[in-house]
Amino acid sequence: MMSNQRDHQAIFVLLLLTVFFGSSCSNSKQAMVEAPPPAYQPTPSSPQVRLPSVIAPKLAEVQEAVRRVFKDSAAIDTTTTPNFLTGDFNGDQSEDLAVVLKPIAGKLAAMNEEYPAWLLRDPSQGNPGERPKVNIQEDEAMLAIIHGFGENDWRDPQATQTFLLKNVTGSNMAVLTGKDFSSKHSGRKLPRPAGDLIEETVRGTTGCLYYSSANYLWYDPKTFKPKPDAGMVHGGR
């Protein structure tokens, strides 16, 4: 009698163990099916963005740029403050250098040679299209604008395209963006500069030097008159 009772108890325990382990395995398999490990996904690489590098010009770099274009014929005018500025003056997304120069003593003939390595212009003249012959005078202050080239802008050894400008060297020179220029002269008839402008006071008038139509022009807020549109016909026809 006791033996049969032990047998029944053993069978009952065995059944309990079978049910327990079977349920555990089933739950484990179900968990594995329902929650598979996440697949590996590599982190997307961020696109490389080339940020514009704005580095303040050093005097030695400016002197080197002047020598590159003018050799030993001109030097930085030390009597003007500031005597050099940087900005994208011709609107080609490259930084340019504007620097005030004077002819070196005894080198005036080289500055006035017939075919110089720069473009001599006088933005103060009324009609720049006529381009009358202009000469540089001894000890005359001029504004040279060296256009940037390549990745190194105006510092590049190949940056030699230069405008040499007469009668527009003044005081309180500062660089204005086109947006700042429009805001500052809101409500007036304005030119359409290609890039940054140089604001300064010349002969008692505060105006701006700007690049347009392959030339540098002078904006005088008192006398400026916009050019008529090319499509306009006089007489209303």
Protein backbone atom coordinates (compact mmCIF):
# COMPACT_ATOMS: atom_id res chain seq x y z
CA MET A 1 0.00 0.00 0.00
CA MET A 2 2.77 2.37 0.95
CA SER A 3 4.66 1.44 -2.22
CA ASN A 4 1.74 2.36 -4.45
CA GLN A 5 1.34 5.65 -2.66
CA ARG A 6 5.03 6.48 -3.21
CA ASP A 7 4.68 5.55 -6.87
CA HIS A 8 1.71 7.90 -7.27
CA GLN A 9 3.59 10.71 -5.54
CA ALA A 10 6.63 10.18 -7.78
CA ILE A 11 4.47 10.22 -10.90
CA PHE A 12 2.75 13.39 -9.70
CA VAL A 13 6.10 15.17 -9.07
CA LEU A 14 7.36 14.02 -12.46
CA LEU A 15 4.27 15.45 -14.14
CA LEU A 16 4.73 18.77 -12.33
CA LEU A 17 8.38 18.99 -13.44
CA THR A 18 7.43 18.13 -17.02
CA VAL A 19 4.77 20.85 -17.11
CA PHE A 20 7.11 23.42 -15.49
CA PHE A 21 10.07 22.86 -17.82
CA GLY A 22 7.84 22.60 -20.86
CA SER A 23 6.22 25.92 -20.05
CA SER A 24 9.60 27.58 -19.49
CA CYS A 25 10.95 26.36 -22.80
CA SER A 26 7.82 27.49 -24.60
CA ASN A 27 7.99 30.96 -23.06
CA SER A 28 11.68 31.18 -23.86
CA LYS A 29 11.11 30.24 -27.49
CA GLN A 30 8.19 32.69 -27.74
CA ALA A 31 10.32 35.48 -26.26
CA MET A 32 13.05 34.73 -28.78
CA VAL A 33 10.55 34.92 -31.62
CA GLU A 34 8.74 38.02 -30.44
CA ALA A 35 11.82 40.07 -29.47
CA PRO A 36 14.72 39.35 -31.82
CA PRO A 37 17.91 41.27 -31.17
CA PRO A 38 18.06 44.57 -33.11
CA ALA A 39 19.97 44.45 -36.36
CA TYR A 40 23.19 46.49 -36.47
CA GLN A 41 22.81 49.76 -38.34
CA PRO A 42 25.93 51.87 -38.94
CA THR A 43 25.68 55.53 -37.99
CA PRO A 44 25.33 57.62 -41.17
CA SER A 45 28.38 59.78 -41.75
CA SER A 46 27.78 63.52 -41.68
CA PRO A 47 28.39 65.31 -44.99
CA GLN A 48 31.63 67.25 -45.10
CA VAL A 49 30.82 70.95 -45.28
CA ARG A 50 33.59 73.36 -46.27
CA LEU A 51 33.25 76.36 -44.00
CA PRO A 52 34.59 79.66 -45.23
CA SER A 53 37.85 80.49 -43.53
CA VAL A 54 38.02 84.12 -42.53
CA ILE A 55 41.53 84.96 -41.41
CA ALA A 56 42.47 88.49 -40.49
CA PRO A 57 45.16 89.79 -42.87
CA LYS A 58 48.63 90.30 -41.50
CA LEU A 59 50.80 93.22 -42.54
CA ALA A 60 53.50 90.92 -43.95
CA GLU A 61 50.90 89.16 -46.14
CA VAL A 62 49.59 92.48 -47.45
CA GLN A 63 53.12 93.67 -48.23
CA GLU A 64 53.79 90.43 -50.12
CA ALA A 65 50.61 90.89 -52.20
CA VAL A 66 51.64 94.47 -53.05
CA ARG A 67 55.12 93.31 -54.14
CA ARG A 68 53.57 90.56 -56.26
CA VAL A 69 51.68 93.12 -58.37
CA PHE A 70 53.70 96.34 -58.13
CA LYS A 71 57.21 94.93 -57.57
CA ASP A 72 59.20 97.78 -56.04
CA SER A 73 57.17 100.64 -57.56
CA ALA A 74 54.61 101.19 -54.77
CA ALA A 75 54.30 100.65 -51.03
CA ILE A 76 51.59 100.76 -48.37
CA ASP A 77 50.70 104.29 -47.31
CA THR A 78 51.47 104.41 -43.59
CA THR A 79 49.74 107.79 -43.11
CA THR A 80 46.25 106.33 -43.69
CA THR A 81 44.32 104.41 -41.04
CA PRO A 82 43.10 101.84 -41.82
CA ASN A 83 45.31 101.32 -44.85
CA PHE A 84 43.98 97.92 -45.94
CA LEU A 85 40.65 96.06 -45.87
CA THR A 86 39.37 92.71 -47.12
CA GLY A 87 36.01 91.73 -48.62
CA ASP A 88 34.40 90.18 -51.68
CA PHE A 89 34.30 93.43 -53.63
CA ASN A 90 33.62 92.02 -57.12
CA GLY A 91 31.09 89.40 -55.98
CA ASP A 92 32.86 86.25 -57.18
CA GLN A 93 32.81 84.48 -53.77
CA SER A 94 36.54 85.07 -53.31
CA GLU A 95 38.08 87.41 -50.75
CA ASP A 96 39.81 90.49 -52.20
CA LEU A 97 42.30 92.95 -50.74
CA ALA A 98 41.92 96.73 -50.81
CA VAL A 99 45.10 98.58 -49.83
CA VAL A 100 46.14 102.25 -49.89
CA LEU A 101 49.40 102.78 -51.76
CA LYS A 102 51.82 105.53 -52.68
CA PRO A 103 54.51 105.45 -55.39
CA ILE A 104 57.99 104.76 -54.13
CA ALA A 105 60.36 107.71 -54.61
CA GLY A 106 62.00 107.55 -58.03
CA LYS A 107 59.52 104.95 -59.36
CA LEU A 108 56.85 107.26 -60.78
CA ALA A 109 57.76 106.38 -64.38
CA ALA A 110 57.17 102.70 -63.67
CA MET A 111 53.75 103.50 -62.20
CA ASN A 112 52.82 105.42 -65.34
CA GLU A 113 54.14 102.97 -67.92
CA GLU A 114 52.03 102.44 -71.02
CA TYR A 115 51.07 98.82 -70.35
CA PRO A 116 51.06 98.28 -66.58
CA ALA A 117 50.15 95.04 -64.85
CA TRP A 118 47.06 96.67 -63.35
CA LEU A 119 43.99 98.63 -64.50
CA LEU A 120 44.31 102.33 -63.69
CA ARG A 121 40.88 103.94 -63.24
CA ASP A 122 39.31 107.08 -61.76
CA PRO A 123 35.85 106.20 -60.32
CA SER A 124 35.19 109.87 -59.51
CA GLN A 125 34.81 110.69 -63.21
CA GLY A 126 31.23 111.04 -64.40
CA ASN A 127 31.29 108.62 -67.33
CA PRO A 128 33.58 105.64 -66.74
CA GLY A 129 32.87 104.37 -70.25
CA GLU A 130 34.97 107.14 -71.80
CA ARG A 131 38.09 106.22 -69.77
CA PRO A 132 40.23 109.27 -70.48
CA LYS A 133 43.94 108.77 -69.87
CA VAL A 134 44.89 109.29 -66.24
CA ASN A 135 48.31 109.52 -64.65
CA ILE A 136 49.62 108.97 -61.17
CA GLN A 137 51.20 111.94 -59.45
CA GLU A 138 54.19 111.91 -57.15
CA ASP A 139 53.27 111.11 -53.53
CA GLU A 140 49.63 110.50 -54.58
CA ALA A 141 47.61 108.10 -52.44
CA MET A 142 45.75 105.47 -54.45
CA LEU A 143 43.52 102.55 -53.62
CA ALA A 144 44.57 99.20 -55.09
CA ILE A 145 42.08 96.33 -55.10
CA ILE A 146 43.69 92.93 -55.68
CA HIS A 147 41.09 90.33 -56.63
CA GLY A 148 41.24 86.92 -55.04
CA PHE A 149 42.10 83.78 -57.00
CA GLY A 150 41.89 80.06 -56.21
CA GLU A 151 41.58 78.60 -52.72
CA ASN A 152 43.90 81.17 -51.12
CA ASP A 153 42.00 84.21 -52.42
CA TRP A 154 44.13 87.39 -52.49
CA ARG A 155 47.01 85.56 -50.81
CA ASP A 156 47.38 83.21 -53.78
CA PRO A 157 50.61 83.67 -55.81
CA GLN A 158 48.46 83.85 -58.96
CA ALA A 159 46.17 86.59 -57.60
CA THR A 160 47.36 89.46 -59.77
CA GLN A 161 44.20 91.00 -61.28
CA THR A 162 44.30 94.49 -59.80
CA PHE A 163 42.43 97.78 -60.12
CA LEU A 164 44.41 100.88 -59.16
CA LEU A 165 41.95 103.66 -58.34
CA LYS A 166 42.57 107.42 -58.24
CA ASN A 167 40.70 110.08 -56.27
CA VAL A 168 38.79 107.66 -54.05
CA THR A 169 41.19 107.34 -51.14
CA GLY A 170 39.54 108.88 -48.10
CA SER A 171 39.12 108.51 -44.36
CA ASN A 172 37.04 106.25 -42.12
CA MET A 173 37.14 103.37 -44.61
CA ALA A 174 34.92 100.42 -43.75
CA VAL A 175 33.46 97.42 -45.57
CA LEU A 176 29.68 97.23 -46.10
CA THR A 177 27.74 94.23 -47.36
CA GLY A 178 25.13 94.86 -50.02
CA LYS A 179 22.39 94.25 -47.43
CA ASP A 180 23.90 96.75 -44.99
CA PHE A 181 24.27 99.28 -47.80
CA SER A 182 20.59 98.97 -48.75
CA SER A 183 19.45 99.27 -45.13
CA LYS A 184 21.67 102.27 -44.46
CA HIS A 185 20.39 104.15 -47.53
CA SER A 186 16.78 102.98 -47.41
CA GLY A 187 14.40 105.12 -49.44
CA ARG A 188 17.04 106.35 -51.90
CA LYS A 189 17.79 105.44 -55.49
CA LEU A 190 20.67 102.99 -55.22
CA PRO A 191 23.11 101.27 -57.58
CA ARG A 192 23.33 97.49 -57.75
CA PRO A 193 26.76 96.50 -56.45
CA ALA A 194 28.13 93.10 -57.39
CA GLY A 195 29.69 92.48 -53.97
CA ASP A 196 30.80 94.25 -50.83
CA LEU A 197 31.27 98.02 -50.82
CA ILE A 198 33.89 100.30 -49.28
CA GLU A 199 32.32 103.17 -47.38
CA GLU A 200 34.55 106.20 -46.81
CA THR A 201 34.63 109.99 -46.68
CA VAL A 202 36.22 111.59 -49.73
CA ARG A 203 36.51 115.38 -50.07
CA GLY A 204 33.97 115.89 -47.30
CA THR A 205 31.35 113.51 -48.73
CA THR A 206 30.62 110.09 -47.30
CA GLY A 207 29.90 107.66 -50.11
CA CYS A 208 30.72 104.15 -51.25
CA LEU A 209 33.03 102.53 -53.74
CA TYR A 210 31.41 99.55 -55.48
CA TYR A 211 31.98 97.14 -58.38
CA SER A 212 29.56 97.02 -61.31
CA SER A 213 29.82 96.29 -65.04
CA ALA A 214 33.48 95.25 -64.82
CA ASN A 215 34.53 98.53 -63.23
CA TYR A 216 34.68 100.29 -59.86
CA LEU A 217 32.31 103.23 -59.45
CA TRP A 218 31.73 105.88 -56.81
CA TYR A 219 28.34 106.31 -55.14
CA ASP A 220 27.63 109.84 -53.91
CA PRO A 221 24.21 109.89 -52.20
CA LYS A 222 23.78 113.57 -53.14
CA THR A 223 24.39 113.25 -56.87
CA PHE A 224 23.69 109.63 -57.80
CA LYS A 225 21.29 109.07 -60.69
CA PRO A 226 20.40 105.52 -61.70
CA LYS A 227 21.00 104.55 -65.29
CA PRO A 228 17.83 104.00 -67.39
CA ASP A 229 16.95 100.44 -68.23
CA ALA A 230 18.37 99.22 -71.51
CA GLY A 231 14.86 98.45 -72.79
CA MET A 232 13.47 101.93 -72.19
CA VAL A 233 12.73 104.11 -75.23
CA HIS A 234 12.68 107.90 -74.91
CA GLY A 235 9.42 109.66 -75.68
CA GLY A 236 7.27 106.92 -74.15
CA ARG A 237 7.26 104.79 -77.29
